[in-house]
C-alpha atoms as a PDB file:
ATOM      1  CA  UNK A   1      -0.019  -0.252   0.054  1.00  0.00           C
ATOM      2  CA  UNK A   2       1.545   3.761  -1.002  1.00  0.00           C
ATOM      3  CA  UNK A   3       1.933   6.556   1.354  1.00  0.00           C
ATOM      4  CA  UNK A   4      -1.368   8.626   2.122  1.00  0.00           C
ATOM      5  CA  UNK A   5      -0.510  12.409   2.584  1.00  0.00           C
ATOM      6  CA  UNK A   6      -2.995  15.144   3.851  1.00  0.00           C
ATOM      7  CA  UNK A   7      -1.947  18.854   3.602  1.00  0.00           C
ATOM      8  CA  UNK A   8      -3.831  21.496   6.030  1.00  0.00           C
ATOM      9  CA  UNK A   9      -3.515  25.155   5.334  1.00  0.00           C
ATOM     10  CA  UNK A  10      -1.801  26.678   8.566  1.00  0.00           C
ATOM     11  CA  UNK A  11      -1.879  31.070   8.871  1.00  0.00           C
ATOM     12  CA  UNK A  12       1.752  31.849   9.070  1.00  0.00           C
ATOM     13  CA  UNK A  13       0.725  33.372  12.777  1.00  0.00           C
ATOM     14  CA  UNK A  14      -0.481  30.041  14.051  1.00  0.00           C
ATOM     15  CA  UNK A  15       2.598  27.549  13.101  1.00  0.00           C
ATOM     16  CA  UNK A  16       4.908  28.360  16.132  1.00  0.00           C
ATOM     17  CA  UNK A  17       1.794  28.248  18.493  1.00  0.00           C
ATOM     18  CA  UNK A  18       0.814  24.614  16.608  1.00  0.00           C
ATOM     19  CA  UNK A  19       4.597  23.131  15.975  1.00  0.00           C
ATOM     20  CA  UNK A  20       5.892  23.963  20.070  1.00  0.00           C
ATOM     21  CA  UNK A  21       9.341  25.415  21.057  1.00  0.00           C
ATOM     22  CA  UNK A  22      11.887  23.108  18.805  1.00  0.00           C
ATOM     23  CA  UNK A  23       8.562  21.552  16.845  1.00  0.00           C
ATOM     24  CA  UNK A  24       8.332  19.486  20.217  1.00  0.00           C
ATOM     25  CA  UNK A  25       4.518  19.132  19.799  1.00  0.00           C
ATOM     26  CA  UNK A  26       5.018  18.211  16.082  1.00  0.00           C
ATOM     27  CA  UNK A  27       7.724  15.505  17.038  1.00  0.00           C
ATOM     28  CA  UNK A  28       4.950  14.430  19.877  1.00  0.00           C
ATOM     29  CA  UNK A  29       2.635  13.666  17.102  1.00  0.00           C
ATOM     30  CA  UNK A  30       4.798  12.113  14.918  1.00  0.00           C
ATOM     31  CA  UNK A  31       6.404   9.498  17.365  1.00  0.00           C
ATOM     32  CA  UNK A  32       3.030   8.466  18.702  1.00  0.00           C
ATOM     33  CA  UNK A  33       1.244   7.889  15.316  1.00  0.00           C
ATOM     34  CA  UNK A  34       4.070   6.686  13.558  1.00  0.00           C
ATOM     35  CA  UNK A  35       3.578   9.748  10.882  1.00  0.00           C
ATOM     36  CA  UNK A  36       5.734  12.388   9.014  1.00  0.00           C
ATOM     37  CA  UNK A  37       4.483  15.869   9.265  1.00  0.00           C
ATOM     38  CA  UNK A  38       6.584  18.901   7.543  1.00  0.00           C
ATOM     39  CA  UNK A  39       5.879  22.342   6.673  1.00  0.00           C
ATOM     40  CA  UNK A  40       5.573  23.459   3.079  1.00  0.00           C
ATOM     41  CA  UNK A  41       4.615  26.785   2.240  1.00  0.00           C
ATOM     42  CA  UNK A  42       1.963  27.881   4.992  1.00  0.00           C
ATOM     43  CA  UNK A  43       0.629  24.092   5.042  1.00  0.00           C
ATOM     44  CA  UNK A  44       1.146  21.340   7.230  1.00  0.00           C
ATOM     45  CA  UNK A  45       1.591  18.144   5.362  1.00  0.00           C
ATOM     46  CA  UNK A  46       0.846  14.932   7.473  1.00  0.00           C
ATOM     47  CA  UNK A  47       2.433  11.679   5.372  1.00  0.00           C
ATOM     48  CA  UNK A  48       2.052   7.816   6.322  1.00  0.00           C
ATOM     49  CA  UNK A  49      -0.627   5.312   6.704  1.00  0.00           C
ATOM     50  CA  UNK A  50      -3.302   6.639   5.868  1.00  0.00           C
ATOM     51  CA  UNK A  51      -5.626   5.725   9.206  1.00  0.00           C
ATOM     52  CA  UNK A  52      -2.745   6.775  11.119  1.00  0.00           C
ATOM     53  CA  UNK A  53      -2.552   9.969   8.416  1.00  0.00           C
ATOM     54  CA  UNK A  54      -6.234  10.426   9.443  1.00  0.00           C
ATOM     55  CA  UNK A  55      -6.040  10.368  13.156  1.00  0.00           C
ATOM     56  CA  UNK A  56      -3.405  13.087  12.804  1.00  0.00           C
ATOM     57  CA  UNK A  57      -4.775  15.161  10.358  1.00  0.00           C
ATOM     58  CA  UNK A  58      -7.538  15.384  12.917  1.00  0.00           C
ATOM     59  CA  UNK A  59      -5.207  16.079  15.773  1.00  0.00           C
ATOM     60  CA  UNK A  60      -3.618  18.704  14.436  1.00  0.00           C
ATOM     61  CA  UNK A  61      -7.147  20.312  13.222  1.00  0.00           C
ATOM     62  CA  UNK A  62      -8.087  20.241  16.673  1.00  0.00           C
ATOM     63  CA  UNK A  63      -5.087  21.955  18.015  1.00  0.00           C
ATOM     64  CA  UNK A  64      -5.205  24.568  15.085  1.00  0.00           C
ATOM     65  CA  UNK A  65      -8.589  25.995  16.119  1.00  0.00           C
ATOM     66  CA  UNK A  66      -7.746  26.113  19.691  1.00  0.00           C
ATOM     67  CA  UNK A  67      -4.656  28.244  18.416  1.00  0.00           C
ATOM     68  CA  UNK A  68      -7.138  30.332  16.221  1.00  0.00           C
ATOM     69  CA  UNK A  69      -9.569  30.491  19.372  1.00  0.00           C
ATOM     70  CA  UNK A  70      -6.617  32.562  21.544  1.00  0.00           C
ATOM     71  CA  UNK A  71      -5.344  29.511  23.255  1.00  0.00           C
ATOM     72  CA  UNK A  72      -1.491  29.396  24.003  1.00  0.00           C
ATOM     73  CA  UNK A  73      -1.028  25.451  22.973  1.00  0.00           C
ATOM     74  CA  UNK A  74       0.836  23.720  25.694  1.00  0.00           C
ATOM     75  CA  UNK A  75       2.248  20.056  26.104  1.00  0.00           C
ATOM     76  CA  UNK A  76      -0.971  19.137  28.002  1.00  0.00           C
ATOM     77  CA  UNK A  77      -3.380  20.265  24.974  1.00  0.00           C
ATOM     78  CA  UNK A  78      -1.256  17.740  22.566  1.00  0.00           C
ATOM     79  CA  UNK A  79      -1.157  14.841  25.424  1.00  0.00           C
ATOM     80  CA  UNK A  80      -4.616  15.199  25.826  1.00  0.00           C
ATOM     81  CA  UNK A  81      -5.719  15.292  22.305  1.00  0.00           C
ATOM     82  CA  UNK A  82      -3.572  12.639  21.418  1.00  0.00           C
ATOM     83  CA  UNK A  83      -5.062  10.456  24.211  1.00  0.00           C
ATOM     84  CA  UNK A  84      -8.718  11.193  22.954  1.00  0.00           C
ATOM     85  CA  UNK A  85      -7.813  10.697  19.416  1.00  0.00           C
ATOM     86  CA  UNK A  86      -6.877   6.926  20.544  1.00  0.00           C
ATOM     87  CA  UNK A  87     -10.254   6.122  23.133  1.00  0.00           C
ATOM     88  CA  UNK A  88     -12.688   7.632  20.673  1.00  0.00           C
ATOM     89  CA  UNK A  89     -11.814   6.890  17.227  1.00  0.00           C
ATOM     90  CA  UNK A  90     -13.605   9.054  14.840  1.00  0.00           C
ATOM     91  CA  UNK A  91     -14.810  11.266  18.023  1.00  0.00           C
ATOM     92  CA  UNK A  92     -16.538  14.506  17.641  1.00  0.00           C
ATOM     93  CA  UNK A  93     -14.109  17.378  18.410  1.00  0.00           C
ATOM     94  CA  UNK A  94     -14.390  16.586  22.009  1.00  0.00           C
ATOM     95  CA  UNK A  95     -11.358  19.109  22.595  1.00  0.00           C
ATOM     96  CA  UNK A  96     -13.302  21.857  20.933  1.00  0.00           C
ATOM     97  CA  UNK A  97     -16.268  21.327  22.829  1.00  0.00           C
ATOM     98  CA  UNK A  98     -14.189  21.579  26.581  1.00  0.00           C
ATOM     99  CA  UNK A  99     -12.752  24.357  25.533  1.00  0.00           C
ATOM    100  CA  UNK A 100     -15.915  26.418  24.576  1.00  0.00           C
ATOM    101  CA  UNK A 101     -16.689  26.304  28.207  1.00  0.00           C
ATOM    102  CA  UNK A 102     -14.922  29.538  29.717  1.00  0.00           C
ATOM    103  CA  UNK A 103     -15.798  29.984  33.346  1.00  0.00           C
ATOM    104  CA  UNK A 104     -14.034  33.424  33.979  1.00  0.00           C
ATOM    105  CA  UNK A 105     -10.831  35.238  33.191  1.00  0.00           C
ATOM    106  CA  UNK A 106      -8.223  35.698  35.916  1.00  0.00           C
ATOM    107  CA  UNK A 107      -7.085  39.094  36.719  1.00  0.00           C
ATOM    108  CA  UNK A 108      -4.440  39.156  33.963  1.00  0.00           C
ATOM    109  CA  UNK A 109      -7.347  38.118  31.366  1.00  0.00           C
ATOM    110  CA  UNK A 110      -6.625  34.463  31.245  1.00  0.00           C
ATOM    111  CA  UNK A 111      -9.393  32.443  30.631  1.00  0.00           C
ATOM    112  CA  UNK A 112     -10.170  29.759  32.846  1.00  0.00           C
ATOM    113  CA  UNK A 113     -11.647  26.460  31.432  1.00  0.00           C
ATOM    114  CA  UNK A 114     -11.593  22.925  31.699  1.00  0.00           C
ATOM    115  CA  UNK A 115      -9.132  20.994  29.911  1.00  0.00           C
ATOM    116  CA  UNK A 116     -10.210  17.489  30.350  1.00  0.00           C
ATOM    117  CA  UNK A 117     -13.497  15.593  29.705  1.00  0.00           C
ATOM    118  CA  UNK A 118     -13.633  14.850  33.352  1.00  0.00           C
ATOM    119  CA  UNK A 119     -12.876  18.880  34.509  1.00  0.00           C
ATOM    120  CA  UNK A 120     -15.684  19.317  32.115  1.00  0.00           C
ATOM    121  CA  UNK A 121     -17.899  17.054  33.937  1.00  0.00           C
ATOM    122  CA  UNK A 122     -16.858  18.312  37.240  1.00  0.00           C
ATOM    123  CA  UNK A 123     -17.866  21.977  36.278  1.00  0.00           C
ATOM    124  CA  UNK A 124     -21.493  20.622  34.709  1.00  0.00           C
ATOM    125  CA  UNK A 125     -21.760  18.810  37.810  1.00  0.00           C
ATOM    126  CA  UNK A 126     -21.285  21.923  39.857  1.00  0.00           C
ATOM    127  CA  UNK A 127     -23.683  24.187  37.879  1.00  0.00           C
ATOM    128  CA  UNK A 128     -26.397  21.105  38.193  1.00  0.00           C
ATOM    129  CA  UNK A 129     -25.771  19.974  42.017  1.00  0.00           C
ATOM    130  CA  UNK A 130     -26.585  21.770  45.049  1.00  0.00           C
ATOM    131  CA  UNK A 131     -23.412  19.580  46.682  1.00  0.00           C
ATOM    132  CA  UNK A 132     -20.592  18.258  44.735  1.00  0.00           C
ATOM    133  CA  UNK A 133     -17.883  15.841  45.536  1.00  0.00           C
ATOM    134  CA  UNK A 134     -14.895  16.605  43.463  1.00  0.00           C
ATOM    135  CA  UNK A 135     -12.275  13.495  44.404  1.00  0.00           C
ATOM    136  CA  UNK A 136      -9.321  12.972  42.230  1.00  0.00           C
ATOM    137  CA  UNK A 137      -5.281  13.520  42.648  1.00  0.00           C
ATOM    138  CA  UNK A 138      -3.175  16.546  42.818  1.00  0.00           C
ATOM    139  CA  UNK A 139      -3.174  18.372  39.848  1.00  0.00           C
ATOM    140  CA  UNK A 140      -6.285  18.263  38.410  1.00  0.00           C
ATOM    141  CA  UNK A 141      -7.604  21.588  38.998  1.00  0.00           C
ATOM    142  CA  UNK A 142     -10.410  20.394  42.001  1.00  0.00           C
ATOM    143  CA  UNK A 143      -9.787  23.020  43.655  1.00  0.00           C
ATOM    144  CA  UNK A 144      -9.098  25.989  41.327  1.00  0.00           C
ATOM    145  CA  UNK A 145     -12.114  25.017  39.714  1.00  0.00           C
ATOM    146  CA  UNK A 146     -14.162  25.197  42.380  1.00  0.00           C
ATOM    147  CA  UNK A 147     -13.093  28.662  43.202  1.00  0.00           C
ATOM    148  CA  UNK A 148     -13.657  30.049  39.350  1.00  0.00           C
ATOM    149  CA  UNK A 149     -17.242  28.683  40.109  1.00  0.00           C
ATOM    150  CA  UNK A 150     -18.048  30.373  43.213  1.00  0.00           C
ATOM    151  CA  UNK A 151     -16.364  33.666  42.187  1.00  0.00           C
ATOM    152  CA  UNK A 152     -18.629  33.915  39.038  1.00  0.00           C
ATOM    153  CA  UNK A 153     -21.437  32.990  41.060  1.00  0.00           C
ATOM    154  CA  UNK A 154     -20.452  35.839  43.616  1.00  0.00           C
ATOM    155  CA  UNK A 155     -19.716  38.401  40.748  1.00  0.00           C
ATOM    156  CA  UNK A 156     -23.223  37.255  39.254  1.00  0.00           C
ATOM    157  CA  UNK A 157     -24.932  37.841  42.552  1.00  0.00           C
ATOM    158  CA  UNK A 158     -26.005  34.299  42.911  1.00  0.00           C
ATOM    159  CA  UNK A 159     -24.707  34.017  46.342  1.00  0.00           C
ATOM    160  CA  UNK A 160     -23.703  37.096  48.703  1.00  0.00           C
ATOM    161  CA  UNK A 161     -20.515  35.664  49.954  1.00  0.00           C
ATOM    162  CA  UNK A 162     -17.868  33.108  49.672  1.00  0.00           C
ATOM    163  CA  UNK A 163     -16.679  30.552  52.459  1.00  0.00           C
ATOM    164  CA  UNK A 164     -13.069  28.717  51.844  1.00  0.00           C
ATOM    165  CA  UNK A 165     -12.403  26.231  54.694  1.00  0.00           C
ATOM    166  CA  UNK A 166      -9.798  23.278  55.151  1.00  0.00           C
ATOM    167  CA  UNK A 167      -8.868  21.070  58.172  1.00  0.00           C
ATOM    168  CA  UNK A 168      -5.591  22.931  59.766  1.00  0.00           C
ATOM    169  CA  UNK A 169      -3.568  19.233  59.279  1.00  0.00           C
ATOM    170  CA  UNK A 170      -0.092  18.987  58.628  1.00  0.00           C
ATOM    171  CA  UNK A 171       1.210  17.086  55.829  1.00  0.00           C
ATOM    172  CA  UNK A 172       3.133  14.526  57.800  1.00  0.00           C
ATOM    173  CA  UNK A 173       4.870  16.898  60.066  1.00  0.00           C
ATOM    174  CA  UNK A 174       4.591  18.683  63.023  1.00  0.00           C
ATOM    175  CA  UNK A 175       5.237  22.164  62.948  1.00  0.00           C
ATOM    176  CA  UNK A 176       5.113  23.458  66.460  1.00  0.00           C
ATOM    177  CA  UNK A 177       3.414  26.593  67.864  1.00  0.00           C
ATOM    178  CA  UNK A 178       3.407  28.949  64.759  1.00  0.00           C
ATOM    179  CA  UNK A 179       3.503  32.959  66.240  1.00  0.00           C
ATOM    180  CA  UNK A 180       0.804  36.165  65.848  1.00  0.00           C
ATOM    181  CA  UNK A 181      -2.796  36.129  66.571  1.00  0.00           C
ATOM    182  CA  UNK A 182      -5.380  33.142  65.981  1.00  0.00           C
ATOM    183  CA  UNK A 183      -5.594  34.136  62.290  1.00  0.00           C
ATOM    184  CA  UNK A 184      -1.616  34.321  61.468  1.00  0.00           C
ATOM    185  CA  UNK A 185      -1.956  30.612  63.388  1.00  0.00           C
ATOM    186  CA  UNK A 186      -3.993  29.048  60.426  1.00  0.00           C
ATOM    187  CA  UNK A 187      -3.090  31.243  57.584  1.00  0.00           C
ATOM    188  CA  UNK A 188      -0.198  28.776  56.527  1.00  0.00           C
ATOM    189  CA  UNK A 189      -2.659  25.952  56.243  1.00  0.00           C
ATOM    190  CA  UNK A 190      -4.998  28.061  53.932  1.00  0.00           C
ATOM    191  CA  UNK A 191      -2.511  29.921  51.461  1.00  0.00           C
ATOM    192  CA  UNK A 192      -3.761  27.291  48.967  1.00  0.00           C
ATOM    193  CA  UNK A 193      -6.888  29.258  48.929  1.00  0.00           C
ATOM    194  CA  UNK A 194      -5.500  32.485  49.087  1.00  0.00           C
ATOM    195  CA  UNK A 195      -3.039  31.811  46.254  1.00  0.00           C
ATOM    196  CA  UNK A 196      -6.119  31.187  43.931  1.00  0.00           C
ATOM    197  CA  UNK A 197      -8.470  34.287  45.233  1.00  0.00           C
ATOM    198  CA  UNK A 198      -5.270  36.394  44.593  1.00  0.00           C
ATOM    199  CA  UNK A 199      -4.730  34.847  40.761  1.00  0.00           C
ATOM    200  CA  UNK A 200      -8.441  35.070  40.066  1.00  0.00           C
ATOM    201  CA  UNK A 201      -9.760  38.124  41.843  1.00  0.00           C
ATOM    202  CA  UNK A 202      -6.466  40.029  42.719  1.00  0.00           C
ATOM    203  CA  UNK A 203      -5.236  41.048  45.815  1.00  0.00           C
ATOM    204  CA  UNK A 204      -7.011  44.545  46.068  1.00  0.00           C
ATOM    205  CA  UNK A 205     -10.353  43.316  45.379  1.00  0.00           C
ATOM    206  CA  UNK A 206     -10.002  39.680  47.821  1.00  0.00           C
ATOM    207  CA  UNK A 207      -9.085  41.856  50.817  1.00  0.00           C
ATOM    208  CA  UNK A 208     -11.960  44.265  50.136  1.00  0.00           C
ATOM    209  CA  UNK A 209     -14.572  41.494  50.106  1.00  0.00           C
ATOM    210  CA  UNK A 210     -12.358  39.780  52.453  1.00  0.00           C
ATOM    211  CA  UNK A 211     -12.955  43.609  55.036  1.00  0.00           C
ATOM    212  CA  UNK A 212     -16.762  43.508  54.420  1.00  0.00           C
ATOM    213  CA  UNK A 213     -17.267  39.780  55.205  1.00  0.00           C
ATOM    214  CA  UNK A 214     -18.166  38.899  51.966  1.00  0.00           C
ATOM    215  CA  UNK A 215     -15.237  36.365  51.553  1.00  0.00           C
ATOM    216  CA  UNK A 216     -14.317  34.332  54.640  1.00  0.00           C
ATOM    217  CA  UNK A 217     -10.852  32.153  54.429  1.00  0.00           C
ATOM    218  CA  UNK A 218     -11.540  29.644  57.825  1.00  0.00           C
ATOM    219  CA  UNK A 219     -10.188  25.975  59.010  1.00  0.00           C
ATOM    220  CA  UNK A 220     -12.937  23.671  59.393  1.00  0.00           C
ATOM    221  CA  UNK A 221     -12.989  23.853  63.193  1.00  0.00           C
ATOM    222  CA  UNK A 222     -14.944  27.397  62.580  1.00  0.00           C
ATOM    223  CA  UNK A 223     -17.701  26.193  61.152  1.00  0.00           C
ATOM    224  CA  UNK A 224     -19.464  24.569  64.324  1.00  0.00           C
ATOM    225  CA  UNK A 225     -22.548  26.292  65.213  1.00  0.00           C
ATOM    226  CA  UNK A 226     -22.963  27.850  62.019  1.00  0.00           C
ATOM    227  CA  UNK A 227     -25.502  28.032  59.146  1.00  0.00           C
ATOM    228  CA  UNK A 228     -24.544  29.003  55.723  1.00  0.00           C
ATOM    229  CA  UNK A 229     -27.480  30.505  53.621  1.00  0.00           C
ATOM    230  CA  UNK A 230     -27.249  31.899  50.389  1.00  0.00           C
ATOM    231  CA  UNK A 231     -23.145  31.371  50.131  1.00  0.00           C
ATOM    232  CA  UNK A 232     -20.592  29.169  47.884  1.00  0.00           C
ATOM    233  CA  UNK A 233     -18.878  27.208  50.075  1.00  0.00           C
ATOM    234  CA  UNK A 234     -15.870  24.980  49.129  1.00  0.00           C
ATOM    235  CA  UNK A 235     -14.319  22.699  51.647  1.00  0.00           C
ATOM    236  CA  UNK A 236     -10.899  21.732  50.443  1.00  0.00           C
ATOM    237  CA  UNK A 237      -8.485  18.550  51.365  1.00  0.00           C
ATOM    238  CA  UNK A 238     -11.677  16.932  52.466  1.00  0.00           C
ATOM    239  CA  UNK A 239      -9.956  13.701  52.957  1.00  0.00           C
ATOM    240  CA  UNK A 240      -8.131  15.264  55.939  1.00  0.00           C
ATOM    241  CA  UNK A 241     -11.377  15.222  57.605  1.00  0.00           C
ATOM    242  CA  UNK A 242     -13.079  12.759  60.245  1.00  0.00           C
ATOM    243  CA  UNK A 243     -16.572  11.398  59.822  1.00  0.00           C
ATOM    244  CA  UNK A 244     -17.713  13.644  62.373  1.00  0.00           C
ATOM    245  CA  UNK A 245     -16.055  16.469  61.150  1.00  0.00           C
ATOM    246  CA  UNK A 246     -17.784  15.986  57.737  1.00  0.00           C
ATOM    247  CA  UNK A 247     -20.869  15.410  58.879  1.00  0.00           C
ATOM    248  CA  UNK A 248     -20.837  18.628  61.450  1.00  0.00           C
ATOM    249  CA  UNK A 249     -20.076  20.356  57.923  1.00  0.00           C
ATOM    250  CA  UNK A 250     -22.730  18.958  55.370  1.00  0.00           C
ATOM    251  CA  UNK A 251     -25.159  19.950  58.401  1.00  0.00           C
ATOM    252  CA  UNK A 252     -24.201  23.898  58.155  1.00  0.00           C
ATOM    253  CA  UNK A 253     -25.608  24.170  54.646  1.00  0.00           C
ATOM    254  CA  UNK A 254     -28.855  26.548  54.430  1.00  0.00           C
ATOM    255  CA  UNK A 255     -31.013  27.984  51.724  1.00  0.00           C
ATOM    256  CA  UNK A 256     -29.858  29.323  48.541  1.00  0.00           C
ATOM    257  CA  UNK A 257     -26.064  27.472  49.329  1.00  0.00           C
ATOM    258  CA  UNK A 258     -23.837  25.733  46.888  1.00  0.00           C
ATOM    259  CA  UNK A 259     -21.191  23.517  47.880  1.00  0.00           C
ATOM    260  CA  UNK A 260     -18.424  21.989  46.343  1.00  0.00           C
ATOM    261  CA  UNK A 261     -16.510  19.221  48.806  1.00  0.00           C
ATOM    262  CA  UNK A 262     -12.636  18.800  47.091  1.00  0.00           C
ATOM    263  CA  UNK A 263     -10.131  15.587  48.338  1.00  0.00           C
ATOM    264  CA  UNK A 264      -7.747  13.032  47.150  1.00  0.00           C
ATOM    265  CA  UNK A 265      -7.824   9.504  48.790  1.00  0.00           C
ATOM    266  CA  UNK A 266      -4.323   9.024  47.860  1.00  0.00           C
ATOM    267  CA  UNK A 267      -2.548  11.765  50.342  1.00  0.00           C
ATOM    268  CA  UNK A 268      -4.336  11.444  53.764  1.00  0.00           C
ATOM    269  CA  UNK A 269      -2.550  13.441  56.689  1.00  0.00           C
ATOM    270  CA  UNK A 270      -4.907  11.551  59.166  1.00  0.00           C
ATOM    271  CA  UNK A 271      -3.544   9.603  61.799  1.00  0.00           C
ATOM    272  CA  UNK A 272      -3.164   5.517  60.463  1.00  0.00           C
ATOM    273  CA  UNK A 273      -6.105   4.363  62.554  1.00  0.00           C
ATOM    274  CA  UNK A 274      -8.408   7.093  61.795  1.00  0.00           C
ATOM    275  CA  UNK A 275     -10.896   6.598  59.008  1.00  0.00           C
ATOM    276  CA  UNK A 276     -11.921   9.536  56.922  1.00  0.00           C
ATOM    277  CA  UNK A 277     -14.883  11.663  56.693  1.00  0.00           C
ATOM    278  CA  UNK A 278     -14.558  11.990  52.987  1.00  0.00           C
ATOM    279  CA  UNK A 279     -14.147   8.093  52.369  1.00  0.00           C
ATOM    280  CA  UNK A 280     -17.400   7.575  54.868  1.00  0.00           C
ATOM    281  CA  UNK A 281     -19.836  10.239  53.133  1.00  0.00           C
ATOM    282  CA  UNK A 282     -18.799   8.822  49.166  1.00  0.00           C
ATOM    283  CA  UNK A 283     -20.495   5.358  50.847  1.00  0.00           C
ATOM    284  CA  UNK A 284     -23.374   7.454  53.034  1.00  0.00           C
ATOM    285  CA  UNK A 285     -24.210  10.072  50.181  1.00  0.00           C
ATOM    286  CA  UNK A 286     -24.085   8.345  46.795  1.00  0.00           C
ATOM    287  CA  UNK A 287     -27.625   7.382  46.860  1.00  0.00           C
ATOM    288  CA  UNK A 288     -29.008  11.140  47.858  1.00  0.00           C
ATOM    289  CA  UNK A 289     -30.359  13.448  44.766  1.00  0.00           C
ATOM    290  CA  UNK A 290     -28.830  16.629  43.922  1.00  0.00           C
ATOM    291  CA  UNK A 291     -25.491  15.122  45.697  1.00  0.00           C
ATOM    292  CA  UNK A 292     -22.863  14.551  42.696  1.00  0.00           C
ATOM    293  CA  UNK A 293     -19.480  12.420  42.994  1.00  0.00           C
ATOM    294  CA  UNK A 294     -16.665  13.722  40.230  1.00  0.00           C
ATOM    295  CA  UNK A 295     -14.080  11.283  40.287  1.00  0.00           C
ATOM    296  CA  UNK A 296     -11.044  12.462  38.490  1.00  0.00           C
ATOM    297  CA  UNK A 297      -8.004  10.525  37.438  1.00  0.00           C
ATOM    298  CA  UNK A 298      -4.651  10.929  36.309  1.00  0.00           C
ATOM    299  CA  UNK A 299      -6.123  11.782  33.009  1.00  0.00           C
ATOM    300  CA  UNK A 300      -7.344  14.948  34.207  1.00  0.00           C
ATOM    301  CA  UNK A 301      -3.664  16.210  35.581  1.00  0.00           C
ATOM    302  CA  UNK A 302      -3.464  19.213  34.211  1.00  0.00           C
ATOM    303  CA  UNK A 303       0.171  20.470  35.765  1.00  0.00           C
ATOM    304  CA  UNK A 304       3.136  19.611  34.421  1.00  0.00           C
ATOM    305  CA  UNK A 305       3.631  16.259  32.147  1.00  0.00           C
ATOM    306  CA  UNK A 306       5.667  14.765  34.922  1.00  0.00           C
ATOM    307  CA  UNK A 307       3.311  15.027  37.869  1.00  0.00           C
ATOM    308  CA  UNK A 308       0.842  13.274  35.385  1.00  0.00           C
ATOM    309  CA  UNK A 309       3.658  10.107  35.321  1.00  0.00           C
ATOM    310  CA  UNK A 310       4.198  10.332  38.799  1.00  0.00           C
ATOM    311  CA  UNK A 311       0.755  10.037  39.875  1.00  0.00           C
ATOM    312  CA  UNK A 312       0.016   6.953  37.676  1.00  0.00           C
ATOM    313  CA  UNK A 313       3.447   5.677  39.258  1.00  0.00           C
ATOM    314  CA  UNK A 314       2.266   5.702  42.140  1.00  0.00           C
ATOM    315  CA  UNK A 315      -1.175   4.774  41.441  1.00  0.00           C
ATOM    316  CA  UNK A 316       0.541   1.526  40.009  1.00  0.00           C
ATOM    317  CA  UNK A 317       2.804   0.826  43.465  1.00  0.00           C
ATOM    318  CA  UNK A 318      -0.265   1.026  45.473  1.00  0.00           C
ATOM    319  CA  UNK A 319      -2.011  -1.321  43.260  1.00  0.00           C
ATOM    320  CA  UNK A 320       0.608  -3.581  43.460  1.00  0.00           C
ATOM    321  CA  UNK A 321       1.266  -3.702  46.797  1.00  0.00           C
ATOM    322  CA  UNK A 322      -2.677  -3.942  47.590  1.00  0.00           C
ATOM    323  CA  UNK A 323      -2.273  -7.111  45.838  1.00  0.00           C
ATOM    324  CA  UNK A 324       1.012  -8.661  47.394  1.00  0.00           C
ATOM    325  CA  UNK A 325      -0.948  -7.306  51.191  1.00  0.00           C
ATOM    326  CA  UNK A 326      -3.867  -9.567  50.187  1.00  0.00           C
ATOM    327  CA  UNK A 327      -1.766 -12.647  48.697  1.00  0.00           C
ATOM    328  CA  UNK A 328      -0.179 -12.744  52.077  1.00  0.00           C
ATOM    329  CA  UNK A 329      -3.392 -12.650  53.949  1.00  0.00           C
ATOM    330  CA  UNK A 330      -4.798 -15.442  51.870  1.00  0.00           C
ATOM    331  CA  UNK A 331      -1.425 -17.355  52.696  1.00  0.00           C
ATOM    332  CA  UNK A 332      -1.531 -16.747  56.112  1.00  0.00           C
ATOM    333  CA  UNK A 333      -5.773 -17.671  56.198  1.00  0.00           C
ATOM    334  CA  UNK A 334      -4.825 -21.507  54.334  1.00  0.00           C
ATOM    335  CA  UNK A 335      -1.885 -21.890  56.821  1.00  0.00           C
ATOM    336  CA  UNK A 336      -4.407 -22.108  59.687  1.00  0.00           C
ATOM    337  CA  UNK A 337      -6.688 -23.785  57.886  1.00  0.00           C
ATOM    338  CA  UNK A 338      -4.382 -26.724  57.508  1.00  0.00           C
ATOM    339  CA  UNK A 339      -3.090 -26.548  61.311  1.00  0.00           C
END
């Protein structure tokens, strides 16, 4: 069978964005699909096996459309486009559908959008449900997208305030007593929430709304005894709550409120014998209407591509360790049975 070739016209202003630094994006498509891609007089020519060429041309056209919409292409865009092409042969431009959902813009004007199908389903669930649990590994945008949705609802007067909270637990180490007043002591635990707010709202707008009490960032312990009406409430790092804390938090919700609970079951900082409130909530609440559970995976990681590889490596390791433990347990039970 002869070599098959497709030519795609690419405006010169999008050529560099499409090819990437040192042609890295195009090389990635070439290596994955075993095709040859070259630039010829303002057109991209793709040659190779017909099926592979058609897949590669679809990926290039999607990436070109993203570029024409004003997106600065990243390695994650290329990796995800390739992955989606493999998983859903002949799929209907899922990448472009995802890109069309702009939640809001940062203070610098950068649009905040879901970048994967899992993130899109997560954002849609937040729109459609009163309580949403976003569960997945680091880098999947659980907290950042929830923040963007909360700030958008606040600016549109859908809620009167934003409340952000997380349990104040050290990540595997004891920091001892911290200096300053009570707020200064808890601020280090809440810093990731502040960082996201500054990026989306800007420090001046955030501080002004904070002084008015319209935005509140507080440790989970401060939630007890309150009723939270007409508020957008985000509980971050929920894997570090106890079952009692989770129940306390969920029973604070009042009329006109929306709640997003985020957590990563693989990064618990609780005592070894303690049960996670997030794990219990998934079991207890899974059949209640208007509560959605969005399970994000390593495919939804949008940080540096190396983070995705790290998450997958740990998933594989933990799965093998779990299997080894199960085999040892069965062997011990078998040996006891023979005696």
